[in-house]
Amino acid sequence: MKLYSQQLDTYCAAVEHALPSYLPAPKDGEKTVCDAMAYACEAGGKRLRPVLLCAFAALAGGDVAAAMPYACAIEMIHSYSLVHDDMPCMDNSPLRRGKPSVHAKFGEDMALLCGDALLNRAFETVLSADTAVAADRRLRASFVLARAAGIRGMIGGQTIDLENEGKAIELPLLEELHRKKTGALITAACEMGAILGGGDESLVAAAREYGKSVGLCFQLVDDILDVTATAEELGKPVGGDEQNEKNTYVSLLGLSETRRLAAAQTDNAIAALDGIDGADDLKALATVLLSRTL
């Protein structure tokens, strides 16, 4: 199934082209960790977060090229999170996108440093970017990114996840877990794009609501795929959630109700953009993400 429209494909291609240029060239003694950083960011992922950032920057009437440093920075943070997530102390996954995980290829020590380096490189990138975006919008977008990556976002969600393995939790806490762990960066991408593109507050709010719904739907579908897809389709072991005694929507509610909730979140995402000219590609993307198979 094709994930992106022709226009969104152009954003994805632009990110693929630009991302290596924002990664560090190794100096003496840095080659291994720099190689690991490049490996972690290599093509193979959907580039969903930077594509959403670019799409909302364009929807706001902004220059997508001027927002590109932020698009690459959010992909660095997403990549770092996957490196750490795969490590033995977390989900202990030897594969990512059909290839050895960073710790399997470079060792746990270099995987740890690789993730730390990508997180810091992301903020080096946004703080040093030579871009025409106004300083107040750059500062606001940087704050959104930092908040989404931190304790009130992705790290907070990961903490809830780890501390509740093997425990039964209620639906509100499960939703908070996933709105932070998976949804926070997706929501941030949409919000940052609208901010960087110069959108008004109503568009920023619409982008935020779209991102929240798409982010939660993305996790709901991930939970479904973990029990319905093959390892070949996902490019990583399946059934890991059950093996690690993770709390998932499927384990709590069953497949049928999880699918219903995912469809409802898709409807919410589309409704968030109702009445906004030029949002058709983003509405279509929400629908495609609901029925994705990887």
Protein backbone atom coordinates (compact mmCIF):
# COMPACT_ATOMS: atom_id res chain seq x y z
CA MET A 1 0.00 0.00 0.00
CA LYS A 2 1.34 3.44 -0.94
CA LEU A 3 1.64 5.59 2.16
CA TYR A 4 2.10 9.07 0.72
CA SER A 5 0.52 11.17 -2.00
CA GLN A 6 2.76 12.59 -4.72
CA GLN A 7 3.21 15.85 -2.80
CA LEU A 8 4.00 14.14 0.49
CA ASP A 9 6.41 11.87 -1.38
CA THR A 10 8.36 14.96 -2.42
CA TYR A 11 8.73 15.93 1.22
CA CYS A 12 9.88 12.42 2.11
CA ALA A 13 12.46 12.48 -0.69
CA ALA A 14 13.68 15.91 0.44
CA VAL A 15 14.18 14.63 3.99
CA GLU A 16 16.07 11.57 2.73
CA HIS A 17 18.35 13.88 0.75
CA ALA A 18 18.89 16.41 3.53
CA LEU A 19 19.24 14.23 6.62
CA PRO A 20 22.80 12.94 5.98
CA SER A 21 24.03 16.52 5.61
CA TYR A 22 22.99 17.32 9.18
CA LEU A 23 24.85 14.35 10.67
CA PRO A 24 28.43 14.91 11.84
CA ALA A 25 31.48 14.05 9.77
CA PRO A 26 33.74 11.98 12.04
CA LYS A 27 36.91 13.39 13.49
CA ASP A 28 39.71 11.38 15.11
CA GLY A 29 38.30 8.80 17.50
CA GLU A 30 34.66 9.42 16.52
CA LYS A 31 34.24 7.11 13.55
CA THR A 32 32.41 4.26 15.27
CA VAL A 33 29.76 6.39 16.94
CA CYS A 34 29.33 8.54 13.83
CA ASP A 35 28.89 5.39 11.74
CA ALA A 36 26.29 4.18 14.23
CA MET A 37 24.43 7.50 14.00
CA ALA A 38 24.32 7.30 10.22
CA TYR A 39 23.24 3.65 10.37
CA ALA A 40 20.42 4.49 12.78
CA CYS A 41 19.15 7.21 10.44
CA GLU A 42 19.49 5.29 7.18
CA ALA A 43 16.52 5.00 4.85
CA GLY A 44 14.00 2.34 5.68
CA GLY A 45 11.60 4.14 7.95
CA LYS A 46 8.46 5.97 6.93
CA ARG A 47 9.88 9.41 7.82
CA LEU A 48 6.37 10.13 9.06
CA ARG A 49 7.30 12.82 11.55
CA PRO A 50 9.40 14.99 9.22
CA VAL A 51 6.86 14.53 6.43
CA LEU A 52 4.09 15.76 8.73
CA LEU A 53 6.23 18.72 9.76
CA CYS A 54 6.84 19.67 6.14
CA ALA A 55 3.19 19.19 5.20
CA PHE A 56 1.94 21.47 7.96
CA ALA A 57 4.60 24.08 7.19
CA ALA A 58 3.32 24.13 3.61
CA LEU A 59 -0.31 24.16 4.76
CA ALA A 60 0.51 27.25 6.82
CA GLY A 61 1.93 28.95 3.72
CA GLY A 62 5.55 28.64 4.79
CA ASP A 63 8.73 27.63 2.99
CA VAL A 64 9.29 23.89 3.41
CA ALA A 65 13.03 24.24 2.73
CA ALA A 66 13.30 26.70 5.63
CA ALA A 67 11.69 24.13 7.93
CA MET A 68 13.94 21.28 6.79
CA PRO A 69 16.47 21.53 9.67
CA TYR A 70 13.59 20.95 12.08
CA ALA A 71 12.28 18.07 10.00
CA CYS A 72 15.68 16.39 10.13
CA ALA A 73 16.07 17.13 13.83
CA ILE A 74 12.81 15.42 14.74
CA GLU A 75 13.85 12.39 12.70
CA MET A 76 17.12 12.26 14.62
CA ILE A 77 15.19 12.21 17.89
CA HIS A 78 12.85 9.51 16.59
CA SER A 79 15.87 7.47 15.44
CA TYR A 80 17.59 7.84 18.81
CA SER A 81 14.45 6.63 20.56
CA LEU A 82 14.41 3.48 18.44
CA VAL A 83 18.10 2.80 19.14
CA HIS A 84 17.51 2.94 22.88
CA ASP A 85 14.14 1.16 22.66
CA ASP A 86 15.77 -1.85 20.98
CA MET A 87 18.48 -2.26 23.62
CA PRO A 88 18.49 -5.26 26.00
CA CYS A 89 17.60 -3.06 28.98
CA MET A 90 14.45 -1.93 27.18
CA ASP A 91 12.66 -4.11 24.58
CA ASN A 92 15.68 -6.28 23.68
CA SER A 93 15.02 -6.42 19.94
CA PRO A 94 17.84 -7.69 17.69
CA LEU A 95 16.21 -6.41 14.49
CA ARG A 96 14.93 -3.08 13.23
CA ARG A 97 13.46 -2.73 9.72
CA GLY A 98 14.82 -6.14 8.79
CA LYS A 99 18.41 -5.28 9.73
CA PRO A 100 20.44 -5.73 12.92
CA SER A 101 19.56 -3.18 15.58
CA VAL A 102 22.27 -0.65 16.37
CA HIS A 103 23.31 -2.45 19.56
CA ALA A 104 23.48 -5.77 17.68
CA LYS A 105 25.76 -4.26 15.05
CA PHE A 106 27.87 -1.81 17.07
CA GLY A 107 27.56 -3.05 20.66
CA GLU A 108 25.51 -1.80 23.57
CA ASP A 109 28.04 0.85 24.57
CA MET A 110 28.07 2.47 21.13
CA ALA A 111 24.27 2.18 20.85
CA LEU A 112 23.89 4.11 24.08
CA LEU A 113 26.30 6.80 22.91
CA CYS A 114 24.71 6.85 19.45
CA GLY A 115 21.29 7.62 20.91
CA ASP A 116 22.70 10.32 23.19
CA ALA A 117 24.59 11.85 20.27
CA LEU A 118 21.52 11.92 18.00
CA LEU A 119 19.45 13.65 20.68
CA ASN A 120 22.07 16.33 21.15
CA ARG A 121 22.72 16.65 17.43
CA ALA A 122 19.04 17.38 16.90
CA PHE A 123 19.25 20.46 19.09
CA GLU A 124 22.57 21.51 17.60
CA THR A 125 20.77 21.41 14.25
CA VAL A 126 17.79 23.56 15.21
CA LEU A 127 19.87 26.06 17.19
CA SER A 128 22.45 26.58 14.45
CA ALA A 129 20.14 26.41 11.44
CA ASP A 130 20.65 29.04 8.76
CA THR A 131 17.00 29.62 7.93
CA ALA A 132 14.70 32.51 7.11
CA VAL A 133 12.14 31.46 9.73
CA ALA A 134 11.53 34.24 12.24
CA ALA A 135 13.39 33.85 15.54
CA ASP A 136 10.24 33.76 17.68
CA ARG A 137 8.78 30.91 15.62
CA ARG A 138 12.08 29.01 15.75
CA LEU A 139 12.24 29.37 19.52
CA ARG A 140 8.63 28.23 19.95
CA ALA A 141 9.12 25.22 17.69
CA SER A 142 12.31 24.26 19.55
CA PHE A 143 10.43 24.30 22.84
CA VAL A 144 7.67 22.10 21.39
CA LEU A 145 10.33 19.62 20.27
CA ALA A 146 12.12 19.59 23.63
CA ARG A 147 8.88 19.10 25.55
CA ALA A 148 7.75 16.25 23.31
CA ALA A 149 11.08 14.44 23.66
CA GLY A 150 11.29 14.85 27.42
CA ILE A 151 9.62 13.77 30.63
CA ARG A 152 6.24 15.28 29.68
CA GLY A 153 6.38 13.42 26.39
CA MET A 154 8.29 10.47 25.01
CA ILE A 155 10.46 9.79 28.08
CA GLY A 156 7.46 10.01 30.36
CA GLY A 157 5.58 7.49 28.24
CA GLN A 158 8.52 5.12 28.16
CA THR A 159 8.75 5.33 31.95
CA ILE A 160 5.10 4.40 32.37
CA ASP A 161 5.62 1.54 29.93
CA LEU A 162 8.64 0.06 31.69
CA GLU A 163 7.32 0.45 35.21
CA ASN A 164 4.07 -1.31 34.37
CA GLU A 165 5.37 -4.36 32.51
CA GLY A 166 3.63 -7.42 33.85
CA LYS A 167 1.03 -5.31 35.67
CA ALA A 168 -2.60 -4.74 34.77
CA ILE A 169 -3.37 -1.06 34.16
CA GLU A 170 -6.56 0.80 33.41
CA LEU A 171 -7.43 2.35 30.06
CA PRO A 172 -6.74 6.01 31.04
CA LEU A 173 -3.14 5.21 32.03
CA LEU A 174 -2.64 3.14 28.87
CA GLU A 175 -3.82 6.09 26.79
CA GLU A 176 -1.50 8.46 28.64
CA LEU A 177 1.38 6.03 28.05
CA HIS A 178 0.85 5.95 24.31
CA ARG A 179 -0.05 9.60 23.84
CA LYS A 180 3.38 10.31 25.32
CA LYS A 181 5.59 7.45 24.14
CA THR A 182 4.40 7.32 20.52
CA GLY A 183 2.07 10.26 20.10
CA ALA A 184 4.12 13.12 21.53
CA LEU A 185 6.65 13.35 18.68
CA ILE A 186 3.95 12.90 16.03
CA THR A 187 1.89 15.67 17.61
CA ALA A 188 4.98 17.86 17.91
CA ALA A 189 5.80 17.38 14.23
CA CYS A 190 2.39 18.69 13.20
CA GLU A 191 2.44 21.59 15.67
CA MET A 192 6.00 22.58 14.79
CA GLY A 193 5.22 22.61 11.08
CA ALA A 194 2.28 24.96 11.59
CA ILE A 195 4.40 27.23 13.80
CA LEU A 196 7.41 27.31 11.47
CA GLY A 197 5.18 27.95 8.47
CA GLY A 198 3.67 31.00 10.15
CA GLY A 199 0.21 29.58 10.75
CA ASP A 200 -2.24 31.39 13.02
CA GLU A 201 -3.30 29.98 16.37
CA SER A 202 -6.35 28.24 14.94
CA LEU A 203 -4.17 26.30 12.49
CA VAL A 204 -1.63 25.45 15.21
CA ALA A 205 -4.48 24.12 17.35
CA ALA A 206 -5.89 22.11 14.43
CA ALA A 207 -2.43 20.68 13.71
CA ARG A 208 -2.09 19.69 17.37
CA GLU A 209 -5.47 17.93 17.41
CA TYR A 210 -4.72 16.14 14.14
CA GLY A 211 -1.37 15.01 15.52
CA LYS A 212 -2.88 13.72 18.76
CA SER A 213 -5.41 11.61 16.88
CA VAL A 214 -2.98 10.32 14.26
CA GLY A 215 -0.41 9.57 16.96
CA LEU A 216 -2.83 7.49 19.01
CA CYS A 217 -4.14 5.72 15.90
CA PHE A 218 -0.56 4.90 14.92
CA GLN A 219 -0.02 3.14 18.25
CA LEU A 220 -3.36 1.34 18.09
CA VAL A 221 -2.41 -0.04 14.68
CA ASP A 222 1.06 -0.97 15.99
CA ASP A 223 -0.61 -3.00 18.74
CA ILE A 224 -2.78 -4.72 16.15
CA LEU A 225 0.16 -5.51 13.89
CA ASP A 226 2.18 -6.98 16.74
CA VAL A 227 -0.33 -9.84 16.90
CA THR A 228 -1.49 -10.06 13.27
CA ALA A 229 1.57 -9.36 11.08
CA THR A 230 4.54 -11.56 10.25
CA ALA A 231 8.15 -10.82 11.15
CA GLU A 232 8.89 -10.44 7.43
CA GLU A 233 6.19 -7.79 7.07
CA LEU A 234 7.34 -5.78 10.09
CA GLY A 235 11.09 -6.27 9.70
CA LYS A 236 11.41 -7.16 13.39
CA PRO A 237 10.23 -9.95 15.71
CA VAL A 238 6.47 -10.08 16.30
CA GLY A 239 4.79 -10.89 19.58
CA GLY A 240 7.35 -8.85 21.47
CA ASP A 241 4.68 -7.00 23.43
CA GLU A 242 3.30 -10.24 24.85
CA GLN A 243 6.76 -11.68 25.48
CA ASN A 244 7.79 -8.53 27.39
CA GLU A 245 4.43 -8.46 29.22
CA LYS A 246 3.63 -5.04 27.77
CA ASN A 247 0.31 -3.30 28.28
CA THR A 248 -1.34 -2.89 24.87
CA TYR A 249 -4.78 -2.01 23.60
CA VAL A 250 -5.15 -5.51 22.20
CA SER A 251 -4.26 -7.17 25.51
CA LEU A 252 -6.65 -4.90 27.39
CA LEU A 253 -9.56 -4.54 24.95
CA GLY A 254 -9.15 -7.20 22.26
CA LEU A 255 -8.65 -6.84 18.51
CA SER A 256 -12.17 -5.78 17.58
CA GLU A 257 -12.37 -2.89 20.06
CA THR A 258 -8.82 -1.80 19.23
CA ARG A 259 -9.73 -1.60 15.56
CA ARG A 260 -12.85 0.42 16.43
CA LEU A 261 -10.84 2.89 18.49
CA ALA A 262 -8.27 3.27 15.69
CA ALA A 263 -11.04 4.10 13.21
CA ALA A 264 -12.51 6.63 15.64
CA GLN A 265 -9.13 8.37 16.01
CA THR A 266 -8.84 8.54 12.23
CA ASP A 267 -12.24 10.23 12.05
CA ASN A 268 -11.09 12.71 14.71
CA ALA A 269 -7.92 13.52 12.76
CA ILE A 270 -9.87 14.22 9.58
CA ALA A 271 -12.43 16.32 11.45
CA ALA A 272 -9.64 18.44 12.96
CA LEU A 273 -8.77 19.70 9.45
CA ASP A 274 -12.32 20.25 8.21
CA GLY A 275 -12.70 23.60 6.51
CA ILE A 276 -8.96 24.09 6.01
CA ASP A 277 -8.02 24.57 2.36
CA GLY A 278 -5.20 22.38 1.08
CA ALA A 279 -5.52 19.69 3.76
CA ASP A 280 -6.70 16.87 1.49
CA ASP A 281 -3.34 15.06 1.45
CA LEU A 282 -3.17 15.09 5.24
CA LYS A 283 -6.73 13.79 5.54
CA ALA A 284 -5.91 11.00 3.08
CA LEU A 285 -2.76 10.15 5.02
CA ALA A 286 -4.79 9.64 8.20
CA THR A 287 -6.95 7.12 6.36
CA VAL A 288 -3.96 5.27 4.90
CA LEU A 289 -2.25 5.06 8.29
CA LEU A 290 -5.31 3.28 9.66
CA SER A 291 -4.98 0.45 7.16
CA ARG A 292 -1.16 0.21 7.01
CA THR A 293 0.45 -3.22 7.22
CA LEU A 294 3.93 -2.16 8.40
